Amino acid sequence: MAKLRLKMAIQKEIKRLRSLGHSKSGVSKILKINRETVRKYWELNEDQKQQDIPLWVQEIDWEKVNHDVGSKVPKKILYEELSEVTVLPSYQAFCQYIRNNIKEDPKSRVVVKIERTPGDSTEVDYSGDSIQILNPATGEIYKVELFVGCLSYSGYIYAEFTLTQKLEDFIYSHNNMFRYFGGVTRYIIPDNCKTAVTKTDKYDPLVNRTYHDMCVHYNITVDPADSYSPRHKPNVEKAVHIVQQDFLSRIRNKTYTSLVELNRDLRNWLKKKNNELMKGRGHSRSYYYNLEKEKLRELPDNNYEFSYFKKAKVHPDCHVQHQRNFYSVPYQYVGKEVEVKFNSKVIHIFYQTQRIASHSSLMGHTHYSTVPEHYPEEKVVEINYHLAKARIKSKSIGPNMETLVERLIRMDKFPLKTLRKVQGVLGLSKSYSNEELDAGAELCLEFEKFTYQSLKNFSKNYRPKEKILSQAPKRDLSLICLQGGKNE
């Protein structure tokens, strides 16, 4: 039977006790080992130890390896890279040497396996790692973000790099992911990032309005993971880990000059990784994906078109204001709060989830997009409260102002369309007196200038007329002194 090698801890203890001045017999008694064993390791020096170290171990820069292991670079990748420059033993012997000589920090966790149903859910997340890209034209270095999606049943991975984690990039990544999968699942499980969840809550999280609208477009239900609970989306967490440990480790020494080039390499790596055999399952992700694909729901004909949402109030002129332009809605919603869905092409207006108007987006400022049917009947306009109030106020200012307001009301075929302008000119009464406004209105009528700015300028420059004397003042003759003589 072969003799067992003395444990390294006991060898070190023999060396330590020797340095403290103990004899061989003393060390034998302290450690309770045979004296011959003590004598064998008593004289062992560093040169003898160096001779026992294999040649391949001496040729490797272990400081760099230690750094890479600490940076969580997989041992498999390290083994492949070192094999190109050094003759290594088997992969198992290489890993064993690292385990014996490099300290790692394993964390034990209790894991409960969750059974997944094909076509049931998709998990998405952002990696915390940022990759740097060099702009060759300016020399500027900027960071890009890693988006990862994963089908929960098959573990089929999708990933892409984006410039930011902002909502627009987040939505476009989902469009690309669904096209890559060739369908959608029943549920999508995002992280509690601000782009997906506006307000985090354990029971009723508030989903971002645009993200919810995208899910409606794809007929998929949002089921956000709980805050600080990555185990609620374990498959994408594992997928992120795989991308970090495998792909990012392989490109760590490469410099990219474009996002397209980086995503192209990532797409090629994904194809290879999804076709690799998975430990413990016996098949590749692509194998299970082909089984799951039959259970995915069909995609709509078009990708989701990114849109923003905001609240607005309908003005009495039957319009809502958006980016300094005006869009009409039916008069029945005057004074109501509505929801505006908009992008660079189209604007939709909703009241309590019902769409009440749609317009093409206007360019520039102070333009109107008006549907005539949105105005009330003429007899309703004549008794409109806001127009009647404007007429009463203009009359109280002066006759010229009354005439000017009436001209403004009758200027357009639809009187309500000029209501904002009428309210604007009447609002000048806060800054100018009735006399100044009425005089300014007189000049507006005279020069045919029916604008807010014209009335403001005329009123601002108004000066009261000075009183003209009808006859010369009488002088007291007794006060007049004639030179060279007396008054007679």
Protein backbone atom coordinates (compact mmCIF):
# COMPACT_ATOMS: atom_id res chain seq x y z
CA MET A 1 0.00 0.00 0.00
CA ALA A 2 1.39 3.41 -0.97
CA LYS A 3 2.26 5.80 1.82
CA LEU A 4 0.02 8.81 2.22
CA ARG A 5 1.60 12.23 1.74
CA LEU A 6 1.65 14.29 4.93
CA LYS A 7 -0.90 17.08 4.93
CA MET A 8 0.44 20.49 3.93
CA ALA A 9 -0.84 22.02 7.20
CA ILE A 10 1.26 19.58 9.26
CA GLN A 11 4.31 20.22 7.06
CA LYS A 12 3.96 23.95 7.71
CA GLU A 13 3.51 23.32 11.43
CA ILE A 14 6.77 21.29 11.53
CA LYS A 15 8.56 24.19 9.87
CA ARG A 16 6.98 26.70 12.26
CA LEU A 17 7.90 24.70 15.39
CA ARG A 18 11.44 24.27 14.13
CA SER A 19 11.76 28.07 13.74
CA LEU A 20 10.63 28.43 17.35
CA GLY A 21 13.59 26.30 18.51
CA HIS A 22 11.88 22.96 19.17
CA SER A 23 13.81 19.77 18.61
CA LYS A 24 12.76 16.93 16.36
CA SER A 25 11.65 14.80 19.31
CA GLY A 26 9.79 17.75 20.77
CA VAL A 27 7.94 18.37 17.52
CA SER A 28 7.14 14.64 17.29
CA LYS A 29 5.55 14.76 20.75
CA ILE A 30 3.66 17.98 20.12
CA LEU A 31 2.18 16.85 16.81
CA LYS A 32 1.93 13.20 17.87
CA ILE A 33 3.55 11.90 14.71
CA ASN A 34 6.40 9.51 14.08
CA ARG A 35 9.94 10.92 14.57
CA GLU A 36 11.00 9.56 11.16
CA THR A 37 8.22 11.58 9.58
CA VAL A 38 9.43 14.72 11.32
CA ARG A 39 13.01 14.02 10.17
CA LYS A 40 11.80 13.58 6.56
CA TYR A 41 10.23 17.06 6.40
CA TRP A 42 12.68 18.69 8.82
CA GLU A 43 15.32 19.33 6.18
CA LEU A 44 12.90 20.05 3.29
CA ASN A 45 13.90 23.44 1.83
CA GLU A 46 12.53 25.76 -0.79
CA ASP A 47 14.80 24.37 -3.54
CA GLN A 48 13.38 20.88 -3.02
CA LYS A 49 9.87 22.30 -3.11
CA GLN A 50 10.65 24.12 -6.34
CA GLN A 51 11.82 20.83 -7.89
CA ASP A 52 8.46 19.25 -7.00
CA ILE A 53 6.51 21.99 -8.83
CA PRO A 54 5.56 20.93 -12.39
CA LEU A 55 7.13 22.83 -15.30
CA TRP A 56 3.77 24.10 -16.63
CA VAL A 57 3.03 25.67 -13.25
CA GLN A 58 6.32 27.58 -13.34
CA GLU A 59 5.60 28.95 -16.84
CA ILE A 60 2.26 30.53 -15.94
CA ASP A 61 1.81 34.05 -14.62
CA TRP A 62 -0.25 33.10 -11.57
CA GLU A 63 -0.69 36.67 -10.47
CA LYS A 64 -2.64 37.38 -13.65
CA VAL A 65 -4.53 34.09 -13.33
CA ASN A 66 -5.41 34.96 -9.75
CA HIS A 67 -6.71 38.34 -10.91
CA ASP A 68 -8.81 36.75 -13.67
CA VAL A 69 -10.25 34.17 -11.27
CA GLY A 70 -11.10 37.01 -8.88
CA SER A 71 -12.79 38.80 -11.79
CA LYS A 72 -14.90 35.64 -12.28
CA VAL A 73 -13.36 34.64 -15.61
CA PRO A 74 -14.34 30.95 -16.12
CA LYS A 75 -11.59 28.37 -15.65
CA LYS A 76 -12.54 26.83 -18.97
CA ILE A 77 -11.68 30.03 -20.84
CA LEU A 78 -8.43 30.43 -18.89
CA TYR A 79 -7.51 26.83 -19.73
CA GLU A 80 -8.19 27.40 -23.46
CA GLU A 81 -6.15 30.62 -23.54
CA LEU A 82 -3.19 29.20 -21.59
CA SER A 83 -3.14 26.03 -23.73
CA GLU A 84 -2.17 28.18 -26.71
CA VAL A 85 1.13 29.22 -25.08
CA THR A 86 1.85 26.40 -22.57
CA VAL A 87 1.58 22.64 -22.56
CA LEU A 88 -0.98 21.97 -19.84
CA PRO A 89 -2.14 18.77 -18.17
CA SER A 90 -5.79 17.74 -18.27
CA TYR A 91 -8.50 20.29 -17.57
CA GLN A 92 -9.37 18.47 -14.33
CA ALA A 93 -5.75 18.70 -13.08
CA PHE A 94 -5.65 22.39 -13.98
CA CYS A 95 -8.84 23.09 -12.00
CA GLN A 96 -7.58 21.02 -9.07
CA TYR A 97 -4.38 23.06 -8.88
CA ILE A 98 -6.40 26.31 -8.86
CA ARG A 99 -8.69 24.97 -6.11
CA ASN A 100 -5.66 24.02 -3.99
CA ASN A 101 -3.70 27.23 -4.47
CA ILE A 102 -6.14 30.04 -5.23
CA LYS A 103 -8.72 31.04 -2.69
CA GLU A 104 -12.25 31.48 -3.94
CA ASP A 105 -15.33 32.73 -2.12
CA PRO A 106 -18.14 30.27 -2.78
CA LYS A 107 -21.57 31.16 -1.42
CA SER A 108 -23.84 28.28 -0.49
CA ARG A 109 -27.50 28.76 -1.28
CA VAL A 110 -30.61 26.66 -0.90
CA VAL A 111 -32.09 26.26 -4.39
CA VAL A 112 -35.62 25.06 -5.11
CA LYS A 113 -36.26 23.91 -8.66
CA ILE A 114 -39.28 25.54 -10.32
CA GLU A 115 -41.02 23.62 -13.07
CA ARG A 116 -41.53 25.79 -16.16
CA THR A 117 -44.23 25.41 -18.81
CA PRO A 118 -43.30 25.87 -22.49
CA GLY A 119 -44.46 29.23 -23.84
CA ASP A 120 -45.43 30.50 -20.40
CA SER A 121 -42.96 33.28 -19.56
CA THR A 122 -40.04 35.41 -20.73
CA GLU A 123 -37.57 37.03 -18.31
CA VAL A 124 -35.63 40.22 -19.08
CA ASP A 125 -32.92 42.14 -17.26
CA TYR A 126 -29.96 44.47 -17.71
CA SER A 127 -26.45 43.39 -16.79
CA GLY A 128 -24.63 45.60 -14.36
CA ASP A 129 -21.51 45.54 -16.57
CA SER A 130 -20.80 48.28 -19.11
CA ILE A 131 -18.59 47.74 -22.18
CA GLN A 132 -16.42 50.55 -23.51
CA ILE A 133 -16.42 51.48 -27.20
CA LEU A 134 -13.82 53.72 -28.82
CA ASN A 135 -14.89 56.41 -31.26
CA PRO A 136 -11.97 56.39 -33.77
CA ALA A 137 -12.87 59.83 -35.13
CA THR A 138 -12.66 61.70 -31.82
CA GLY A 139 -10.83 59.26 -29.56
CA GLU A 140 -13.75 59.45 -27.14
CA ILE A 141 -14.63 56.36 -25.11
CA TYR A 142 -18.27 55.74 -24.25
CA LYS A 143 -20.05 52.94 -22.42
CA VAL A 144 -22.86 50.71 -23.67
CA GLU A 145 -25.37 48.63 -21.71
CA LEU A 146 -26.16 44.91 -22.00
CA PHE A 147 -29.82 43.82 -22.34
CA VAL A 148 -30.57 40.11 -21.83
CA GLY A 149 -33.79 38.15 -22.37
CA CYS A 150 -34.46 34.47 -21.77
CA LEU A 151 -37.31 32.02 -22.35
CA SER A 152 -38.01 30.49 -18.93
CA TYR A 153 -38.64 26.93 -20.11
CA SER A 154 -35.92 26.37 -22.70
CA GLY A 155 -33.39 28.85 -21.33
CA TYR A 156 -32.96 30.17 -24.90
CA ILE A 157 -30.95 33.39 -24.64
CA TYR A 158 -31.20 36.71 -26.46
CA ALA A 159 -28.84 39.60 -25.75
CA GLU A 160 -27.83 42.91 -27.31
CA PHE A 161 -25.86 46.00 -26.41
CA THR A 162 -27.59 49.40 -26.37
CA LEU A 163 -26.33 52.93 -25.84
CA THR A 164 -28.47 53.49 -22.73
CA GLN A 165 -31.00 51.85 -20.44
CA LYS A 166 -33.55 54.55 -21.23
CA LEU A 167 -37.13 53.71 -22.12
CA GLU A 168 -36.70 54.04 -25.89
CA ASP A 169 -33.74 51.64 -26.02
CA PHE A 170 -35.55 49.32 -23.59
CA ILE A 171 -38.61 49.09 -25.87
CA TYR A 172 -36.58 48.59 -29.07
CA SER A 173 -34.65 45.77 -27.37
CA HIS A 174 -37.96 44.04 -26.66
CA ASN A 175 -38.99 44.41 -30.32
CA ASN A 176 -35.73 42.78 -31.41
CA MET A 177 -36.02 40.04 -28.77
CA PHE A 178 -39.55 39.02 -29.78
CA ARG A 179 -38.50 38.85 -33.45
CA TYR A 180 -35.48 36.75 -32.45
CA PHE A 181 -37.71 34.31 -30.53
CA GLY A 182 -40.27 34.26 -33.34
CA GLY A 183 -43.20 34.70 -30.95
CA VAL A 184 -44.27 35.83 -27.48
CA THR A 185 -45.07 34.03 -24.25
CA ARG A 186 -48.07 34.60 -21.96
CA TYR A 187 -46.09 36.56 -19.36
CA ILE A 188 -43.03 38.77 -19.29
CA ILE A 189 -41.05 39.18 -16.05
CA PRO A 190 -38.96 42.37 -15.99
CA ASP A 191 -36.74 43.69 -13.26
CA ASN A 192 -37.96 46.57 -11.07
CA CYS A 193 -36.00 49.13 -13.10
CA LYS A 194 -37.57 52.57 -13.66
CA THR A 195 -38.00 51.91 -17.38
CA ALA A 196 -40.40 49.04 -16.62
CA VAL A 197 -41.93 49.91 -13.24
CA THR A 198 -42.74 53.50 -12.31
CA LYS A 199 -43.51 52.68 -8.67
CA THR A 200 -42.30 49.52 -6.96
CA ASP A 201 -44.69 47.74 -4.62
CA LYS A 202 -44.74 44.19 -3.27
CA TYR A 203 -48.39 43.68 -4.20
CA ASP A 204 -49.39 46.33 -6.77
CA PRO A 205 -46.40 47.69 -8.70
CA LEU A 206 -47.18 50.54 -11.10
CA VAL A 207 -46.01 49.57 -14.59
CA ASN A 208 -44.64 52.27 -16.89
CA ARG A 209 -47.40 53.44 -19.25
CA THR A 210 -45.35 53.02 -22.42
CA TYR A 211 -44.14 49.57 -21.35
CA HIS A 212 -47.71 48.52 -20.62
CA ASP A 213 -48.82 49.80 -24.02
CA MET A 214 -46.09 47.71 -25.67
CA CYS A 215 -47.32 44.61 -23.82
CA VAL A 216 -50.88 45.33 -24.99
CA HIS A 217 -49.57 45.51 -28.56
CA TYR A 218 -47.93 42.07 -28.22
CA ASN A 219 -50.81 40.63 -26.16
CA ILE A 220 -48.52 39.74 -23.26
CA THR A 221 -49.05 40.22 -19.50
CA VAL A 222 -46.51 42.08 -17.33
CA ASP A 223 -45.53 40.34 -14.08
CA PRO A 224 -42.69 42.36 -12.49
CA ALA A 225 -40.29 40.57 -10.17
CA ASP A 226 -40.29 41.63 -6.53
CA SER A 227 -37.75 44.23 -5.48
CA TYR A 228 -34.37 42.81 -4.51
CA SER A 229 -35.52 39.26 -5.38
CA PRO A 230 -33.52 38.01 -8.38
CA ARG A 231 -34.71 34.45 -7.69
CA HIS A 232 -38.10 35.43 -9.10
CA LYS A 233 -36.38 35.52 -12.51
CA PRO A 234 -33.61 32.93 -12.06
CA ASN A 235 -33.27 31.98 -15.72
CA VAL A 236 -32.36 35.45 -16.96
CA GLU A 237 -30.08 35.93 -13.94
CA LYS A 238 -28.26 32.78 -15.01
CA ALA A 239 -28.23 33.96 -18.63
CA VAL A 240 -26.69 37.29 -17.58
CA HIS A 241 -24.07 35.36 -15.61
CA ILE A 242 -23.28 33.20 -18.65
CA VAL A 243 -22.84 36.24 -20.90
CA GLN A 244 -20.66 37.94 -18.30
CA GLN A 245 -18.50 34.89 -17.62
CA ASP A 246 -18.17 33.59 -21.16
CA PHE A 247 -18.65 36.30 -23.79
CA LEU A 248 -17.33 39.29 -21.84
CA SER A 249 -14.33 37.26 -20.72
CA ARG A 250 -13.49 36.32 -24.32
CA ILE A 251 -13.60 39.93 -25.54
CA ARG A 252 -11.94 41.53 -22.49
CA ASN A 253 -8.73 42.21 -24.44
CA LYS A 254 -10.45 43.42 -27.62
CA THR A 255 -11.18 47.05 -28.55
CA TYR A 256 -14.44 47.81 -30.39
CA THR A 257 -15.04 50.92 -32.47
CA SER A 258 -18.76 50.49 -33.19
CA LEU A 259 -21.89 49.14 -31.56
CA VAL A 260 -22.73 47.19 -34.73
CA GLU A 261 -19.44 45.29 -34.57
CA LEU A 262 -19.96 44.45 -30.90
CA ASN A 263 -23.52 43.21 -31.44
CA ARG A 264 -22.43 41.15 -34.45
CA ASP A 265 -19.87 39.27 -32.32
CA LEU A 266 -22.48 38.84 -29.58
CA ARG A 267 -25.01 37.43 -32.06
CA ASN A 268 -22.46 34.89 -33.35
CA TRP A 269 -21.63 33.88 -29.79
CA LEU A 270 -25.35 33.47 -28.96
CA LYS A 271 -25.84 31.11 -31.88
CA LYS A 272 -22.98 28.95 -30.64
CA LYS A 273 -24.00 29.11 -26.98
CA ASN A 274 -27.64 28.22 -27.59
CA ASN A 275 -26.48 25.13 -29.49
CA GLU A 276 -24.15 23.94 -26.72
CA LEU A 277 -25.10 20.94 -24.60
CA MET A 278 -26.39 22.00 -21.16
CA LYS A 279 -25.12 20.15 -18.12
CA GLY A 280 -27.85 18.32 -16.26
CA ARG A 281 -30.43 18.55 -19.07
CA GLY A 282 -28.81 16.42 -21.73
CA HIS A 283 -29.73 18.71 -24.64
CA SER A 284 -28.96 22.19 -25.90
CA ARG A 285 -31.08 25.29 -25.42
CA SER A 286 -31.93 25.19 -29.13
CA TYR A 287 -33.37 21.70 -28.69
CA TYR A 288 -35.76 22.85 -25.97
CA TYR A 289 -36.46 26.08 -27.86
CA ASN A 290 -37.73 24.08 -30.84
CA LEU A 291 -40.15 22.34 -28.48
CA GLU A 292 -41.21 25.62 -26.90
CA LYS A 293 -41.55 27.56 -30.14
CA GLU A 294 -44.74 25.69 -30.99
CA LYS A 295 -46.32 27.07 -27.80
CA LEU A 296 -45.42 30.72 -28.44
CA ARG A 297 -48.12 33.15 -29.53
CA GLU A 298 -47.88 34.68 -33.00
CA LEU A 299 -46.31 38.10 -33.40
CA PRO A 300 -48.36 41.03 -34.77
CA ASP A 301 -47.56 42.20 -38.30
CA ASN A 302 -45.67 45.28 -37.12
CA ASN A 303 -43.26 46.03 -34.31
CA TYR A 304 -44.51 48.21 -31.49
CA GLU A 305 -44.07 51.86 -32.41
CA PHE A 306 -42.59 53.73 -29.49
CA SER A 307 -44.88 56.36 -27.94
CA TYR A 308 -44.95 58.69 -24.95
CA PHE A 309 -47.91 59.42 -22.70
CA LYS A 310 -49.01 62.52 -20.78
CA LYS A 311 -52.11 64.07 -19.22
CA ALA A 312 -53.87 67.16 -20.64
CA LYS A 313 -57.03 69.17 -20.03
CA VAL A 314 -59.48 70.04 -22.82
CA HIS A 315 -59.77 73.82 -23.29
CA PRO A 316 -63.18 75.45 -23.88
CA ASP A 317 -62.14 75.92 -27.51
CA CYS A 318 -62.35 72.09 -27.88
CA HIS A 319 -58.57 71.66 -28.24
CA VAL A 320 -55.73 70.23 -26.16
CA GLN A 321 -52.30 71.80 -26.28
CA HIS A 322 -49.26 69.62 -27.02
CA GLN A 323 -45.76 70.93 -27.71
CA ARG A 324 -47.17 74.42 -28.45
CA ASN A 325 -49.61 73.10 -31.06
CA PHE A 326 -53.36 72.48 -30.72
CA TYR A 327 -55.44 69.37 -31.49
CA SER A 328 -59.23 69.20 -31.43
CA VAL A 329 -61.42 66.76 -29.48
CA PRO A 330 -65.24 66.47 -29.37
CA TYR A 331 -66.84 69.36 -27.46
CA GLN A 332 -68.46 66.97 -24.97
CA TYR A 333 -65.04 66.56 -23.30
CA VAL A 334 -64.43 70.27 -22.62
CA GLY A 335 -62.97 70.63 -19.12
CA LYS A 336 -62.15 66.90 -18.87
CA GLU A 337 -58.68 65.47 -18.23
CA VAL A 338 -57.60 63.24 -21.10
CA GLU A 339 -54.56 61.07 -21.84
CA VAL A 340 -52.40 61.95 -24.83
CA LYS A 341 -50.37 59.24 -26.59
CA PHE A 342 -47.87 60.72 -29.02
CA ASN A 343 -44.74 60.22 -31.09
CA SER A 344 -43.15 62.03 -34.02
CA LYS A 345 -45.83 60.81 -36.47
CA VAL A 346 -49.21 60.65 -34.77
CA ILE A 347 -51.07 61.78 -31.67
CA HIS A 348 -53.98 59.87 -30.09
CA ILE A 349 -56.24 61.28 -27.37
CA PHE A 350 -58.01 58.98 -24.89
CA TYR A 351 -60.66 59.52 -22.26
CA GLN A 352 -61.00 56.70 -19.74
CA THR A 353 -59.20 54.23 -22.09
CA GLN A 354 -61.49 55.16 -25.02
CA ARG A 355 -59.88 56.87 -27.99
CA ILE A 356 -61.78 60.05 -28.81
CA ALA A 357 -59.49 61.70 -31.40
CA SER A 358 -56.44 61.10 -33.58
CA HIS A 359 -54.29 63.60 -35.49
CA SER A 360 -51.07 63.68 -37.46
CA SER A 361 -48.32 65.35 -35.45
CA LEU A 362 -47.80 69.01 -36.40
CA MET A 363 -44.42 70.60 -36.99
CA GLY A 364 -43.55 74.07 -35.76
CA HIS A 365 -45.54 76.07 -33.20
CA THR A 366 -49.03 77.58 -32.70
CA HIS A 367 -50.62 75.46 -35.45
CA TYR A 368 -54.09 73.92 -35.23
CA SER A 369 -55.30 70.48 -36.28
CA THR A 370 -59.09 70.76 -36.18
CA VAL A 371 -61.88 68.37 -37.09
CA PRO A 372 -65.05 70.48 -37.79
CA GLU A 373 -67.30 67.76 -36.35
CA HIS A 374 -65.66 68.26 -32.96
CA TYR A 375 -67.34 71.68 -32.59
CA PRO A 376 -70.89 71.95 -31.26
CA GLU A 377 -73.84 73.20 -33.37
CA GLU A 378 -74.08 76.90 -34.16
CA LYS A 379 -77.01 77.50 -31.81
CA VAL A 380 -74.98 76.00 -28.98
CA VAL A 381 -72.02 78.24 -29.83
CA GLU A 382 -74.18 81.40 -29.66
CA ILE A 383 -75.05 80.72 -26.02
CA ASN A 384 -71.58 79.52 -25.12
CA TYR A 385 -70.71 80.62 -21.58
CA HIS A 386 -67.09 81.51 -22.34
CA LEU A 387 -67.95 83.64 -25.41
CA ALA A 388 -70.72 85.41 -23.52
CA LYS A 389 -68.36 86.13 -20.63
CA ALA A 390 -65.76 87.53 -23.07
CA ARG A 391 -68.35 89.88 -24.63
CA ILE A 392 -69.41 91.20 -21.22
CA LYS A 393 -65.85 91.87 -20.13
CA SER A 394 -64.91 93.63 -23.41
CA LYS A 395 -67.96 95.90 -23.06
CA SER A 396 -66.85 96.91 -19.58
CA ILE A 397 -63.46 98.01 -20.94
CA GLY A 398 -64.73 100.24 -23.70
CA PRO A 399 -66.54 100.43 -27.08
CA ASN A 400 -63.41 99.93 -29.15
CA MET A 401 -62.48 96.83 -27.16
CA GLU A 402 -66.00 95.47 -27.54
CA THR A 403 -65.78 95.92 -31.32
CA LEU A 404 -62.32 94.32 -31.46
CA VAL A 405 -63.44 91.24 -29.51
CA GLU A 406 -66.48 90.82 -31.70
CA ARG A 407 -64.29 91.04 -34.81
CA LEU A 408 -62.01 88.34 -33.36
CA ILE A 409 -64.96 86.05 -32.58
CA ARG A 410 -66.32 86.42 -36.12
CA MET A 411 -62.92 86.13 -37.76
CA ASP A 412 -63.09 82.33 -38.19
CA LYS A 413 -65.85 80.11 -39.45
CA PHE A 414 -65.81 78.39 -36.08
CA PRO A 415 -66.01 81.07 -33.33
CA LEU A 416 -64.64 78.78 -30.63
CA LYS A 417 -61.39 78.43 -32.54
CA THR A 418 -60.48 82.06 -31.69
CA LEU A 419 -61.48 81.75 -28.02
CA ARG A 420 -57.88 81.43 -26.83
CA LYS A 421 -56.90 84.63 -28.63
CA VAL A 422 -59.93 86.47 -27.21
CA GLN A 423 -59.06 85.32 -23.70
CA GLY A 424 -55.47 86.39 -24.29
CA VAL A 425 -56.26 89.97 -25.31
CA LEU A 426 -58.76 90.32 -22.44
CA GLY A 427 -56.07 89.10 -20.08
CA LEU A 428 -54.09 92.28 -20.82
CA SER A 429 -56.49 94.06 -18.46
CA LYS A 430 -54.28 92.79 -15.63
CA SER A 431 -51.38 94.93 -16.92
CA TYR A 432 -53.11 97.94 -18.52
CA SER A 433 -55.98 100.25 -17.62
CA ASN A 434 -59.31 100.26 -19.46
CA GLU A 435 -58.40 103.59 -21.05
CA GLU A 436 -55.11 102.25 -22.38
CA LEU A 437 -56.70 99.04 -23.70
CA ASP A 438 -59.57 100.81 -25.39
CA ALA A 439 -57.17 103.25 -27.03
CA GLY A 440 -55.01 100.35 -28.14
CA ALA A 441 -58.07 98.56 -29.54
CA GLU A 442 -58.95 101.70 -31.52
CA LEU A 443 -55.55 101.64 -33.21
CA CYS A 444 -55.86 97.89 -33.89
CA LEU A 445 -59.14 98.51 -35.68
CA GLU A 446 -57.70 101.44 -37.57
CA PHE A 447 -54.64 99.56 -38.83
CA GLU A 448 -56.34 96.14 -39.15
CA LYS A 449 -53.94 94.55 -36.65
CA PHE A 450 -55.92 91.85 -34.85
CA THR A 451 -53.14 90.24 -32.86
CA TYR A 452 -52.32 90.00 -29.18
CA GLN A 453 -48.89 91.60 -29.63
CA SER A 454 -50.28 94.53 -31.61
CA LEU A 455 -52.83 95.34 -28.89
CA LYS A 456 -50.15 95.03 -26.22
CA ASN A 457 -47.78 97.40 -28.04
CA PHE A 458 -50.48 100.00 -28.76
CA SER A 459 -51.70 99.93 -25.17
CA LYS A 460 -48.16 100.17 -23.82
CA ASN A 461 -47.34 103.23 -25.94
CA TYR A 462 -50.59 105.06 -25.22
CA ARG A 463 -50.19 108.64 -23.93
CA PRO A 464 -53.14 110.77 -22.72
CA LYS A 465 -53.84 113.84 -24.89
CA GLU A 466 -52.94 117.20 -23.29
CA LYS A 467 -55.75 119.78 -22.76
CA ILE A 468 -55.77 122.60 -25.39
CA LEU A 469 -56.57 126.11 -24.13
CA SER A 470 -59.49 127.79 -26.01
CA GLN A 471 -58.21 131.43 -25.50
CA ALA A 472 -55.19 133.29 -24.19
CA PRO A 473 -55.26 134.07 -20.45
CA LYS A 474 -56.28 137.60 -19.41
CA ARG A 475 -53.56 139.82 -17.94
CA ASP A 476 -53.95 142.48 -15.26
CA LEU A 477 -53.16 145.90 -16.88
CA SER A 478 -52.09 147.36 -13.55
CA LEU A 479 -49.18 145.02 -13.53
CA ILE A 480 -47.92 146.13 -16.95
CA CYS A 481 -45.10 148.71 -16.74
CA LEU A 482 -44.34 150.73 -19.90
CA GLN A 483 -40.75 151.97 -20.29
CA GLY A 484 -40.18 155.78 -20.43
CA GLY A 485 -43.54 156.95 -19.22
CA LYS A 486 -46.45 156.59 -16.80
CA ASN A 487 -49.61 154.66 -17.39
CA GLU A 488 -52.54 156.88 -18.07
